[in-house]
Structures are given as C-alpha cells and as structure tokens.
C-alpha cells in the first residue's frame, strides 16, 4: 500500500479522560472515511495510573482500492509517531524521553500545567523538574509544538482536559477533518455534550491572555500587635530580608500567636548581631520560620478542620450545594506523636514506662478512618487543634525549642559568614512529622557532629556537599559515603 497510517500517541493520567479522547479520535475517523484501531498500555504503578493510548488511522478508500486490509500496529515506536497528545507537561517529557517526538514528523500538543511525578514528590529536597527547561527541550525536538495551560481552560469552561486537548488537536489541522466533524463526534457521545463542546471550543481557540495581576497590597495588620511587628521589621531589618520576614511573621501568627512571632524576630536579631550578611539574613528568615512552624498533631488537626480547606475540597470535586460531601481522613498516630502532644513530664514518663506504652499502643497500633465533616470526626480533630494554646507546654515544643536554640548558637559562632549560611540551610533536612521527621533529624545530627569535629575549619562547600548527599536518598547511604570521603565519619 502506498498510503501509511496516521499514528497518534496519547499520554494521560488516570481520571483525565485519555480513554475518552482516544475513543473520540476513533469515532471521528470511522465516521469520516478512515479505518481506525486503538490500544492502551496502562501504567498503574506510575503517576496515578499514567497510560499510553495508541491510535492508528488508515484511509478506507485506499484500502478498498487496493483490495487489502491494512495491518495496524498495537504500540507506538520511537521515531514513528505523527501526533503526540500529552495531558500535562511531564507526560510530554515522558513522550520525548521515549523517543516518540521527533523533529521530522511529530506534532506535539500538550498542556503546560504540572502534576508532580512520584519521584518529584518523594525527593527529600526540592525534586521538581524545571518546567521551563522541559518545555524548551520539547520545543527543540518537535516538528510543531502546541502548548498552553489546558487545565486552566478546562476549569474555566466547566469541562475536562480531554475535551480541551481534542479542540487543540483540531486547531493544528494535523488530521484531515474539519472543526464541524470534530464537534459532531462529541455530540454523538451524548454524555456531557455541552461541557465537552465548551472545553473543545476553549482548546480550539488556544491560550487566553492572562489578566494583568495587580501588585499585592502591602500588609496592613488590623491588630496593634501586628502593626508593632511590621514596624519592627521595617525599622530594624534590611530591605532584602523584609518580604521573607513579613511572611515568616504571618506564618507564625497563624501557627501560634503574636508572642511566638515576636520570639521569631528576637531570635533573628540576636543571632545576626555578629553577622552583617544579607544572604544569611534572608536565609535565616526563611528557615527559622519553617522550623518554628514544625508539623505536629495539633497543626495537622488545625489544617484539616479549617473552613478554607473544606471549601477548597468542595470546589475541587465540583460539589453543588445540593450534594453531600464526605471527607475521609486516614490517621495513624504513633506512640511518639501521642507523647509529643502531652505535657513534658507526662510525655517523658510515658516514653520510658513499658506497661503504659503497651496500653497506649493498643489504641495506636492500627490506623483509623475519621470523617472530617461528620460531627464526631470534626469534634475530635477540632479538639486536638484547640490544644494549640497549650503547645508551649508540650514535649514536642520542649524538644524542638532546645534544638532550635542549639542551631542558632552554632550559626552565631560560625565563621566565615558563608559557613553560617550553609549551617542555616541544613534546616531543609528537617521536615514533615513521624518517620519522615526522624530520618531528616538523623541526617541533620550526623552532619552537625561532623561539623563539630571539623570546627570552623570545615569549608562551606563541604557542608553544602554533605547536605546535598543527605537529601539524595532516604537510606542515608550517600551521606555516609560523603562523610567517609571527607574523613568525617
């Protein structure tokens, strides 16, 4: 046969309508003089069910003229795909990585929004792939790239991203069909027709110009204590650090209260009395605020019961006022988290008393499901959140407070300032709660002990290397290798 099939690969995640999009393309082709075949290869363990759908189209008239049935492939081959549709930027990157996008033939249509991959989410540090670099690489290897934020258009049109992709595909004219034929395909589906047509129209029209964003109004606290803290930042701290300090204060007022935010500024001013360094000032403003707002059971319960969270969930699932929404939380607090929430003496007693530990573990050995928006579930979590006023008396606050003070003393004593900066940045190892927090703290302690052995003779680059090694893997093998390489083990 002289004609060759049109080969289309669709990369989408679970729930994004990749299968519907593939079916639309098949229906479009079969109603307009083409033979079509579709297959899919699900990746259930990857990216919430990331799947590759593959479609091949062949002119029925050509097949009839030659009296032969075409043999259509079941899988896309590198370098042999005409059109790639990707529901998200990382999916486009995955297509590029697999060699499905080539500059001699492939039209790449993708949404530029991001849904972070598992590898990005589980990274101990910032594991995000740079979106600009990813988009630039896709542009370099595609014959034609059509990319814009299709998730935003789907949301604004009340549709789903598959409909927007279908519209963007029609606009490329990479397929020998008219816009009307595309729209007739959606109408034949008979389900969600109007919203799908709206999404299609949005995708066909392409990206909309962004409305100009007005500059954020300066923070004007309504509370006199807030105005006092803001005046203190503006009068005592350099301009380069003020924005971070304001955010730090807002975060800690929300986390605890105004006195706690004042303690934050006290600590920064006392620590930096020795170092006049803008980089150190800004980094300390950021990392101290993060450490002082450590995650504990009180914070988790507070965030889960906020009105803003419940409203956001309703908006995300598009629940109407007439629909009931149930939010199920899976909670599995360990004995350690229970002790951390108790007063210092009681928490220490429970940790070192075997029979008491066993009694508590009877209730904590298994997780439980709590319905946040039920009366009992909400009262349980809001009751835990209400313990915030007594947080300063808990075992966890006592432990974290001692650790923060020791860290600040080390920053004060460090020389040169570049070493102090790296000591500040080691805080990024400490995050989360439970086992995640324990792993981070273990690595932080190993690096701190190594730094104490080396003293101020340790080069800032060495400390930076140790921190990067600690963030490279959960098991700590890379950190151990780095410590041995520098004779600090």
Protein backbone atom coordinates (compact mmCIF):
# COMPACT_ATOMS: atom_id res chain seq x y z
CA UNK A 1 0.00 0.00 0.00
CA UNK A 2 1.30 3.42 -0.89
CA UNK A 3 -0.51 5.23 1.95
CA UNK A 4 0.74 4.97 5.52
CA UNK A 5 -1.33 5.12 8.70
CA UNK A 6 -1.63 8.28 10.75
CA UNK A 7 -0.08 7.41 14.10
CA UNK A 8 -1.24 9.10 17.29
CA UNK A 9 0.01 8.58 20.85
CA UNK A 10 -1.96 9.93 23.83
CA UNK A 11 -0.28 10.17 27.23
CA UNK A 12 -2.61 10.87 30.15
CA UNK A 13 -3.06 10.11 33.81
CA UNK A 14 -5.95 8.38 35.49
CA UNK A 15 -9.16 10.39 35.58
CA UNK A 16 -8.15 12.80 32.79
CA UNK A 17 -10.22 11.16 30.08
CA UNK A 18 -7.41 9.74 27.96
CA UNK A 19 -9.56 6.77 27.01
CA UNK A 20 -12.46 9.06 26.03
CA UNK A 21 -10.09 11.13 23.90
CA UNK A 22 -8.84 8.01 22.11
CA UNK A 23 -12.43 6.87 21.52
CA UNK A 24 -13.34 10.28 20.12
CA UNK A 25 -10.48 10.09 17.63
CA UNK A 26 -11.53 6.59 16.55
CA UNK A 27 -15.16 7.64 16.18
CA UNK A 28 -14.12 10.77 14.27
CA UNK A 29 -12.07 8.70 11.84
CA UNK A 30 -14.61 5.91 11.32
CA UNK A 31 -17.42 8.37 10.54
CA UNK A 32 -15.27 10.21 8.02
CA UNK A 33 -13.82 7.55 5.77
CA UNK A 34 -10.99 6.01 7.81
CA UNK A 35 -10.25 2.65 9.37
CA UNK A 36 -9.13 3.02 12.97
CA UNK A 37 -7.64 0.97 15.78
CA UNK A 38 -6.88 1.90 19.36
CA UNK A 39 -4.95 0.14 22.12
CA UNK A 40 -3.77 1.19 25.56
CA UNK A 41 -0.91 0.29 27.84
CA UNK A 42 -1.79 1.18 31.43
CA UNK A 43 0.92 2.08 33.90
CA UNK A 44 -0.99 1.56 37.13
CA UNK A 45 2.09 1.93 39.31
CA UNK A 46 3.23 5.14 37.64
CA UNK A 47 1.89 8.63 38.27
CA UNK A 48 -1.61 7.68 39.41
CA UNK A 49 -2.24 5.36 36.50
CA UNK A 50 -0.38 7.11 33.68
CA UNK A 51 -1.43 5.39 30.46
CA UNK A 52 -0.33 5.48 26.83
CA UNK A 53 -3.19 5.21 24.36
CA UNK A 54 -2.20 4.50 20.79
CA UNK A 55 -4.38 5.11 17.72
CA UNK A 56 -3.69 4.37 14.06
CA UNK A 57 -5.90 5.68 11.22
CA UNK A 58 -5.88 4.49 7.60
CA UNK A 59 -7.96 5.78 4.63
CA UNK A 60 -10.71 3.23 3.97
CA UNK A 61 -10.92 4.26 0.31
CA UNK A 62 -7.23 3.50 -0.19
CA UNK A 63 -7.62 0.06 1.41
CA UNK A 64 -10.67 -0.72 -0.77
CA UNK A 65 -8.90 0.41 -3.95
CA UNK A 66 -6.00 -1.95 -3.31
CA UNK A 67 -8.18 -4.77 -2.05
CA UNK A 68 -6.11 -5.28 1.06
CA UNK A 69 -6.77 -4.73 4.74
CA UNK A 70 -4.12 -2.63 6.48
CA UNK A 71 -2.09 -4.10 9.32
CA UNK A 72 -2.22 -1.57 12.14
CA UNK A 73 0.30 -1.63 14.98
CA UNK A 74 -0.51 -2.04 18.65
CA UNK A 75 2.27 0.08 20.13
CA UNK A 76 3.99 3.35 19.22
CA UNK A 77 7.60 3.05 18.12
CA UNK A 78 10.31 5.67 18.73
CA UNK A 79 10.68 7.93 15.73
CA UNK A 80 7.44 6.70 14.14
CA UNK A 81 4.64 8.85 15.59
CA UNK A 82 2.85 11.67 13.79
CA UNK A 83 0.92 13.24 16.67
CA UNK A 84 1.51 13.13 20.42
CA UNK A 85 -1.15 14.43 22.82
CA UNK A 86 0.00 14.92 26.42
CA UNK A 87 -2.33 15.89 29.26
CA UNK A 88 0.43 17.50 31.31
CA UNK A 89 3.98 18.77 30.85
CA UNK A 90 5.72 15.82 32.49
CA UNK A 91 3.73 13.47 30.26
CA UNK A 92 5.08 15.42 27.30
CA UNK A 93 8.56 14.95 28.74
CA UNK A 94 7.90 11.25 29.07
CA UNK A 95 6.97 11.10 25.37
CA UNK A 96 10.14 12.96 24.45
CA UNK A 97 12.22 10.65 26.64
CA UNK A 98 10.74 7.59 24.92
CA UNK A 99 11.64 8.99 21.50
CA UNK A 100 8.03 9.38 20.41
CA UNK A 101 8.58 13.03 19.48
CA UNK A 102 10.89 13.73 16.52
CA UNK A 103 11.63 16.95 14.61
CA UNK A 104 10.99 15.45 11.18
CA UNK A 105 7.32 14.48 11.70
CA UNK A 106 5.77 14.86 15.16
CA UNK A 107 3.17 17.44 16.15
CA UNK A 108 3.21 17.66 19.95
CA UNK A 109 0.08 19.03 21.66
CA UNK A 110 0.43 19.32 25.41
CA UNK A 111 -0.85 21.13 28.44
CA UNK A 112 1.86 23.11 30.19
CA UNK A 113 0.45 22.78 33.71
CA UNK A 114 2.25 20.47 36.13
CA UNK A 115 1.19 17.45 38.15
CA UNK A 116 4.27 16.38 40.06
CA UNK A 117 5.61 12.90 39.45
CA UNK A 118 6.14 10.46 42.31
CA UNK A 119 9.91 10.90 42.06
CA UNK A 120 9.46 14.65 42.45
CA UNK A 121 7.16 14.30 45.43
CA UNK A 122 9.23 11.82 47.41
CA UNK A 123 12.52 13.68 46.95
CA UNK A 124 13.91 14.71 50.33
CA UNK A 125 14.82 18.11 48.89
CA UNK A 126 13.35 20.07 46.01
CA UNK A 127 13.00 17.32 43.43
CA UNK A 128 10.92 19.31 40.94
CA UNK A 129 11.90 19.14 37.29
CA UNK A 130 12.36 22.62 35.86
CA UNK A 131 9.26 23.29 33.73
CA UNK A 132 10.95 25.89 31.53
CA UNK A 133 13.79 23.52 30.63
CA UNK A 134 11.32 20.70 29.99
CA UNK A 135 9.21 22.87 27.69
CA UNK A 136 12.31 24.14 25.89
CA UNK A 137 13.53 20.62 25.23
CA UNK A 138 10.11 19.58 23.93
CA UNK A 139 10.12 22.58 21.59
CA UNK A 140 13.56 21.62 20.28
CA UNK A 141 12.64 18.04 19.36
CA UNK A 142 9.11 18.51 17.99
CA UNK A 143 8.26 19.44 14.42
CA UNK A 144 5.42 21.56 15.81
CA UNK A 145 4.64 22.25 19.46
CA UNK A 146 1.26 23.50 20.66
CA UNK A 147 1.45 24.03 24.40
CA UNK A 148 -0.59 26.07 26.88
CA UNK A 149 -2.32 25.62 30.21
CA UNK A 150 -5.24 23.41 29.20
CA UNK A 151 -6.13 22.56 32.81
CA UNK A 152 -6.97 26.22 33.41
CA UNK A 153 -9.17 26.31 30.30
CA UNK A 154 -10.88 23.07 31.32
CA UNK A 155 -11.62 24.53 34.74
CA UNK A 156 -12.92 27.84 33.39
CA UNK A 157 -15.13 26.12 30.81
CA UNK A 158 -16.51 23.59 33.29
CA UNK A 159 -15.12 20.76 31.21
CA UNK A 160 -12.30 18.20 31.35
CA UNK A 161 -8.85 18.37 29.88
CA UNK A 162 -9.52 15.68 27.25
CA UNK A 163 -12.08 17.96 25.58
CA UNK A 164 -9.59 20.85 25.54
CA UNK A 165 -6.93 18.57 24.03
CA UNK A 166 -9.42 17.48 21.37
CA UNK A 167 -10.04 21.11 20.48
CA UNK A 168 -6.32 21.91 20.36
CA UNK A 169 -5.79 18.89 18.11
CA UNK A 170 -8.49 20.15 15.72
CA UNK A 171 -6.84 23.58 15.60
CA UNK A 172 -3.50 22.10 14.47
CA UNK A 173 -5.12 20.74 11.26
CA UNK A 174 -2.78 17.76 11.63
CA UNK A 175 -5.76 15.49 10.90
CA UNK A 176 -7.76 15.68 7.66
CA UNK A 177 -11.03 16.60 9.38
CA UNK A 178 -12.98 19.84 9.82
CA UNK A 179 -13.94 21.52 13.07
CA UNK A 180 -17.56 20.59 12.43
CA UNK A 181 -16.61 16.92 12.14
CA UNK A 182 -14.76 17.10 15.43
CA UNK A 183 -17.79 18.67 17.14
CA UNK A 184 -20.17 16.12 15.62
CA UNK A 185 -18.04 13.41 17.24
CA UNK A 186 -18.62 14.92 20.68
CA UNK A 187 -22.33 15.26 20.02
CA UNK A 188 -22.58 11.58 19.06
CA UNK A 189 -21.22 10.68 22.50
CA UNK A 190 -24.38 12.03 24.09
CA UNK A 191 -22.89 12.42 27.60
CA UNK A 192 -21.77 15.78 28.96
CA UNK A 193 -22.09 17.18 25.47
CA UNK A 194 -22.42 20.86 26.32
CA UNK A 195 -19.49 20.97 28.74
CA UNK A 196 -17.33 18.94 26.35
CA UNK A 197 -18.16 21.28 23.48
CA UNK A 198 -17.28 24.24 25.69
CA UNK A 199 -13.92 22.64 26.52
CA UNK A 200 -13.37 21.84 22.84
CA UNK A 201 -14.04 25.45 21.85
CA UNK A 202 -11.62 26.70 24.51
CA UNK A 203 -8.91 24.34 23.26
CA UNK A 204 -9.55 25.25 19.63
CA UNK A 205 -9.24 28.97 20.39
CA UNK A 206 -5.96 28.35 22.20
CA UNK A 207 -4.48 30.16 25.18
CA UNK A 208 -6.28 33.18 26.54
CA UNK A 209 -4.25 36.24 27.51
CA UNK A 210 -3.66 36.37 31.22
CA UNK A 211 -5.35 39.21 33.05
CA UNK A 212 -2.78 41.62 34.45
CA UNK A 213 -2.00 40.84 38.05
CA UNK A 214 -2.24 43.83 40.30
CA UNK A 215 0.69 44.22 42.67
CA UNK A 216 -0.03 42.80 46.07
CA UNK A 217 -1.14 45.39 48.55
CA UNK A 218 1.25 45.85 51.43
CA UNK A 219 0.30 44.03 54.58
CA UNK A 220 -1.57 46.37 56.93
CA UNK A 221 -2.27 44.43 60.12
CA UNK A 222 -5.58 45.20 61.77
CA UNK A 223 -4.25 44.20 65.19
CA UNK A 224 -1.98 46.64 67.03
CA UNK A 225 0.41 43.80 67.87
CA UNK A 226 0.70 43.01 64.18
CA UNK A 227 1.47 46.64 63.35
CA UNK A 228 4.17 46.63 66.03
CA UNK A 229 5.83 43.56 64.47
CA UNK A 230 5.61 45.08 60.98
CA UNK A 231 7.15 48.37 62.17
CA UNK A 232 9.92 46.39 63.82
CA UNK A 233 10.73 44.59 60.56
CA UNK A 234 10.78 47.83 58.57
CA UNK A 235 12.94 49.72 61.04
CA UNK A 236 15.48 47.08 62.08
CA UNK A 237 15.99 44.80 59.09
CA UNK A 238 17.48 45.29 55.61
CA UNK A 239 15.18 45.64 52.61
CA UNK A 240 16.39 42.36 51.06
CA UNK A 241 15.03 40.33 54.00
CA UNK A 242 11.81 42.21 54.76
CA UNK A 243 9.47 40.28 52.46
CA UNK A 244 10.61 36.95 53.93
CA UNK A 245 10.36 38.30 57.47
CA UNK A 246 6.82 39.51 56.87
CA UNK A 247 5.84 36.08 55.54
CA UNK A 248 7.58 34.44 58.50
CA UNK A 249 5.65 36.57 60.96
CA UNK A 250 2.34 35.87 59.19
CA UNK A 251 3.08 32.15 59.22
CA UNK A 252 3.92 32.05 62.93
CA UNK A 253 0.95 34.17 63.99
CA UNK A 254 -1.22 31.71 62.09
CA UNK A 255 0.67 28.79 63.61
CA UNK A 256 0.66 30.02 67.21
CA UNK A 257 0.23 33.69 68.17
CA UNK A 258 1.79 37.17 68.12
CA UNK A 259 4.15 36.39 71.00
CA UNK A 260 5.54 33.45 69.09
CA UNK A 261 6.12 35.67 66.02
CA UNK A 262 7.89 38.20 68.27
CA UNK A 263 10.14 35.40 69.53
CA UNK A 264 10.98 34.68 65.89
CA UNK A 265 12.20 38.27 65.37
CA UNK A 266 14.04 38.19 68.72
CA UNK A 267 15.95 35.11 67.63
CA UNK A 268 16.89 36.55 64.25
CA UNK A 269 18.10 39.83 65.70
CA UNK A 270 20.15 38.13 68.41
CA UNK A 271 21.70 35.61 66.02
CA UNK A 272 22.61 38.17 63.38
CA UNK A 273 24.13 40.68 65.78
CA UNK A 274 27.51 39.16 64.86
CA UNK A 275 26.97 38.69 61.12
CA UNK A 276 26.08 41.57 58.77
CA UNK A 277 25.32 39.49 55.71
CA UNK A 278 22.22 39.91 53.52
CA UNK A 279 22.22 36.33 52.24
CA UNK A 280 22.44 34.98 55.78
CA UNK A 281 19.69 37.35 56.92
CA UNK A 282 17.26 36.24 54.20
CA UNK A 283 18.06 32.54 54.57
CA UNK A 284 17.65 32.64 58.33
CA UNK A 285 14.33 34.47 57.97
CA UNK A 286 13.06 31.63 55.79
CA UNK A 287 14.47 28.60 57.55
CA UNK A 288 13.80 29.72 61.11
CA UNK A 289 10.14 30.35 60.26
CA UNK A 290 9.92 26.86 58.77
CA UNK A 291 11.50 25.22 61.80
CA UNK A 292 9.43 27.15 64.32
CA UNK A 293 6.26 26.07 62.49
CA UNK A 294 7.16 22.38 62.75
CA UNK A 295 4.38 19.93 61.97
CA UNK A 296 2.79 18.26 64.96
CA UNK A 297 -0.57 16.63 65.62
CA UNK A 298 -2.02 19.98 66.67
CA UNK A 299 -1.03 21.62 63.38
CA UNK A 300 -2.30 18.73 61.27
CA UNK A 301 -5.67 18.74 63.03
CA UNK A 302 -5.91 22.52 62.70
CA UNK A 303 -5.31 22.46 58.94
CA UNK A 304 -7.74 19.60 58.37
CA UNK A 305 -10.63 21.37 60.08
CA UNK A 306 -10.31 24.83 58.54
CA UNK A 307 -13.28 26.21 56.62
CA UNK A 308 -10.97 27.16 53.76
CA UNK A 309 -9.89 23.55 53.36
CA UNK A 310 -13.44 22.21 53.33
CA UNK A 311 -14.45 24.86 50.78
CA UNK A 312 -11.43 24.06 48.61
CA UNK A 313 -12.27 20.35 48.57
CA UNK A 314 -15.87 21.11 47.58
CA UNK A 315 -14.62 23.32 44.76
CA UNK A 316 -12.10 20.74 43.56
CA UNK A 317 -14.70 17.97 43.27
CA UNK A 318 -17.30 20.47 41.98
CA UNK A 319 -19.87 19.52 44.56
CA UNK A 320 -23.07 21.55 44.37
CA UNK A 321 -24.96 22.87 47.37
CA UNK A 322 -27.47 20.05 46.91
CA UNK A 323 -24.81 17.34 47.11
CA UNK A 324 -23.41 15.77 50.26
CA UNK A 325 -19.62 15.60 50.51
CA UNK A 326 -17.77 13.14 52.75
CA UNK A 327 -14.08 13.65 53.56
CA UNK A 328 -12.35 10.57 54.93
CA UNK A 329 -9.01 11.03 56.71
CA UNK A 330 -6.73 8.08 57.38
CA UNK A 331 -4.91 8.81 60.63
CA UNK A 332 -2.22 6.63 62.16
CA UNK A 333 -0.53 8.49 65.04
CA UNK A 334 2.35 6.57 66.60
CA UNK A 335 3.05 6.43 70.32
CA UNK A 336 5.75 9.08 69.80
CA UNK A 337 3.23 11.56 68.37
CA UNK A 338 0.93 10.94 71.33
CA UNK A 339 3.78 11.59 73.78
CA UNK A 340 4.83 14.70 71.86
CA UNK A 341 1.38 16.21 72.43
CA UNK A 342 1.44 15.60 76.19
CA UNK A 343 2.98 17.88 78.85
CA UNK A 344 6.76 17.44 79.11
CA UNK A 345 6.88 15.37 82.31
CA UNK A 346 3.96 13.16 81.32
CA UNK A 347 5.34 12.62 77.82
CA UNK A 348 8.76 11.57 79.17
CA UNK A 349 7.10 9.26 81.70
CA UNK A 350 5.02 7.53 79.06
CA UNK A 351 8.03 7.03 76.77
CA UNK A 352 10.08 5.30 79.49
CA UNK A 353 7.28 3.27 81.15
CA UNK A 354 6.86 -0.10 79.37
CA UNK A 355 3.44 -1.05 80.74
CA UNK A 356 1.99 2.38 79.95
CA UNK A 357 3.46 2.26 76.46
CA UNK A 358 1.78 -1.08 75.79
CA UNK A 359 -1.59 0.24 76.95
CA UNK A 360 -1.40 3.24 74.60
CA UNK A 361 -0.11 1.14 71.72
CA UNK A 362 -3.27 -0.98 71.88
CA UNK A 363 -5.07 2.09 70.51
CA UNK A 364 -2.32 3.38 68.19
CA UNK A 365 -1.06 0.16 66.58
CA UNK A 366 -3.67 0.44 63.85
CA UNK A 367 -4.78 3.46 61.90
CA UNK A 368 -8.31 4.70 61.87
CA UNK A 369 -10.52 6.50 59.37
CA UNK A 370 -12.08 9.74 60.54
CA UNK A 371 -14.80 11.54 58.60
CA UNK A 372 -13.78 15.17 58.99
CA UNK A 373 -17.14 16.68 58.14
CA UNK A 374 -19.14 14.43 60.46
CA UNK A 375 -20.00 15.75 63.92
CA UNK A 376 -17.85 13.19 65.76
CA UNK A 377 -14.91 13.45 63.37
CA UNK A 378 -14.91 17.24 63.36
CA UNK A 379 -15.15 17.46 67.15
CA UNK A 380 -12.26 15.01 67.53
CA UNK A 381 -9.93 16.95 65.22
CA UNK A 382 -11.03 20.39 66.37
CA UNK A 383 -10.44 19.28 69.96
CA UNK A 384 -6.86 18.34 69.09
CA UNK A 385 -6.43 21.62 67.20
CA UNK A 386 -7.64 23.51 70.29
CA UNK A 387 -4.58 22.24 72.18
CA UNK A 388 -2.65 24.93 70.30
CA UNK A 389 -2.98 27.31 73.26
CA UNK A 390 -1.03 24.80 75.39
CA UNK A 391 1.53 23.90 72.70
CA UNK A 392 4.39 25.60 74.55
CA UNK A 393 3.91 23.12 77.39
CA UNK A 394 4.13 20.00 75.21
CA UNK A 395 7.06 17.62 74.98
CA UNK A 396 7.45 18.29 71.25
CA UNK A 397 7.75 22.05 71.79
CA UNK A 398 10.32 21.49 74.52
CA UNK A 399 12.45 19.25 72.26
CA UNK A 400 12.18 21.48 69.18
CA UNK A 401 12.90 24.61 71.19
CA UNK A 402 16.14 23.13 72.53
CA UNK A 403 17.19 22.03 69.05
CA UNK A 404 16.47 25.44 67.53
CA UNK A 405 18.42 27.25 70.22
CA UNK A 406 21.44 24.96 69.75
CA UNK A 407 21.28 25.53 65.96
CA UNK A 408 21.15 29.31 66.42
CA UNK A 409 24.18 29.24 68.71
CA UNK A 410 26.14 27.35 66.07
CA UNK A 411 25.17 29.95 63.47
CA UNK A 412 26.32 32.76 65.78
CA UNK A 413 29.70 31.09 66.36
CA UNK A 414 30.34 30.14 62.73
CA UNK A 415 33.00 31.91 60.71
CA UNK A 416 33.16 32.91 57.91
CA UNK A 417 29.57 34.03 57.11
CA UNK A 418 29.47 31.59 54.17
CA UNK A 419 29.76 28.72 56.66
CA UNK A 420 26.95 30.23 58.74
CA UNK A 421 24.78 30.35 55.61
CA UNK A 422 25.32 26.64 55.00
CA UNK A 423 24.52 25.83 58.64
CA UNK A 424 21.24 27.73 58.21
CA UNK A 425 20.44 25.83 55.02
CA UNK A 426 20.91 22.48 56.75
CA UNK A 427 17.45 23.11 58.22
CA UNK A 428 15.94 21.91 54.92
CA UNK A 429 16.79 18.37 56.04
CA UNK A 430 14.16 18.63 58.80
CA UNK A 431 10.59 18.40 57.59
CA UNK A 432 7.31 16.57 57.98
CA UNK A 433 6.44 14.52 61.02
CA UNK A 434 6.66 10.91 62.20
CA UNK A 435 9.22 8.73 60.44
CA UNK A 436 9.93 11.39 57.80
CA UNK A 437 10.94 13.85 60.51
CA UNK A 438 13.05 11.22 62.28
CA UNK A 439 15.04 10.45 59.12
CA UNK A 440 15.67 14.12 58.50
CA UNK A 441 16.74 14.74 62.06
CA UNK A 442 19.09 11.73 61.99
CA UNK A 443 20.88 13.13 58.94
CA UNK A 444 20.94 16.63 60.45
CA UNK A 445 22.59 15.24 63.59
CA UNK A 446 25.21 13.28 61.63
CA UNK A 447 26.18 16.44 59.77
CA UNK A 448 26.18 18.53 62.96
CA UNK A 449 28.52 16.08 64.69
CA UNK A 450 30.81 16.07 61.65
CA UNK A 451 30.82 19.87 61.67
CA UNK A 452 31.67 19.96 65.37
CA UNK A 453 34.63 17.65 64.80
CA UNK A 454 35.91 19.84 61.99
CA UNK A 455 35.06 23.15 63.68
CA UNK A 456 35.31 26.35 61.64
CA UNK A 457 37.94 24.63 59.53
CA UNK A 458 35.16 22.94 57.57
CA UNK A 459 34.79 24.55 54.17
CA UNK A 460 31.29 25.84 53.32
CA UNK A 461 31.40 23.79 50.11
CA UNK A 462 31.98 20.62 52.15
CA UNK A 463 28.99 21.32 54.37
CA UNK A 464 26.89 22.02 51.28
CA UNK A 465 28.01 18.72 49.76
CA UNK A 466 27.06 16.81 52.93
CA UNK A 467 23.59 18.37 52.97
CA UNK A 468 23.03 17.53 49.30
CA UNK A 469 24.15 13.95 49.96
CA UNK A 470 21.68 13.69 52.85
CA UNK A 471 18.88 14.79 50.52
CA UNK A 472 19.87 12.31 47.82
CA UNK A 473 18.39 9.16 49.38
CA UNK A 474 16.28 8.13 52.37
CA UNK A 475 18.60 5.34 53.48
CA UNK A 476 21.45 7.78 54.13
CA UNK A 477 23.96 5.80 52.06
CA UNK A 478 25.07 8.83 50.05
CA UNK A 479 25.63 10.80 53.24
CA UNK A 480 27.74 8.02 54.74
CA UNK A 481 29.83 7.88 51.59
CA UNK A 482 30.36 11.66 51.69
CA UNK A 483 31.35 11.59 55.36
CA UNK A 484 33.87 8.82 54.71
CA UNK A 485 35.26 10.64 51.67
CA UNK A 486 35.95 13.71 53.82
CA UNK A 487 37.23 11.60 56.74
CA UNK A 488 34.38 12.84 58.94
CA UNK A 489 32.66 9.52 59.66
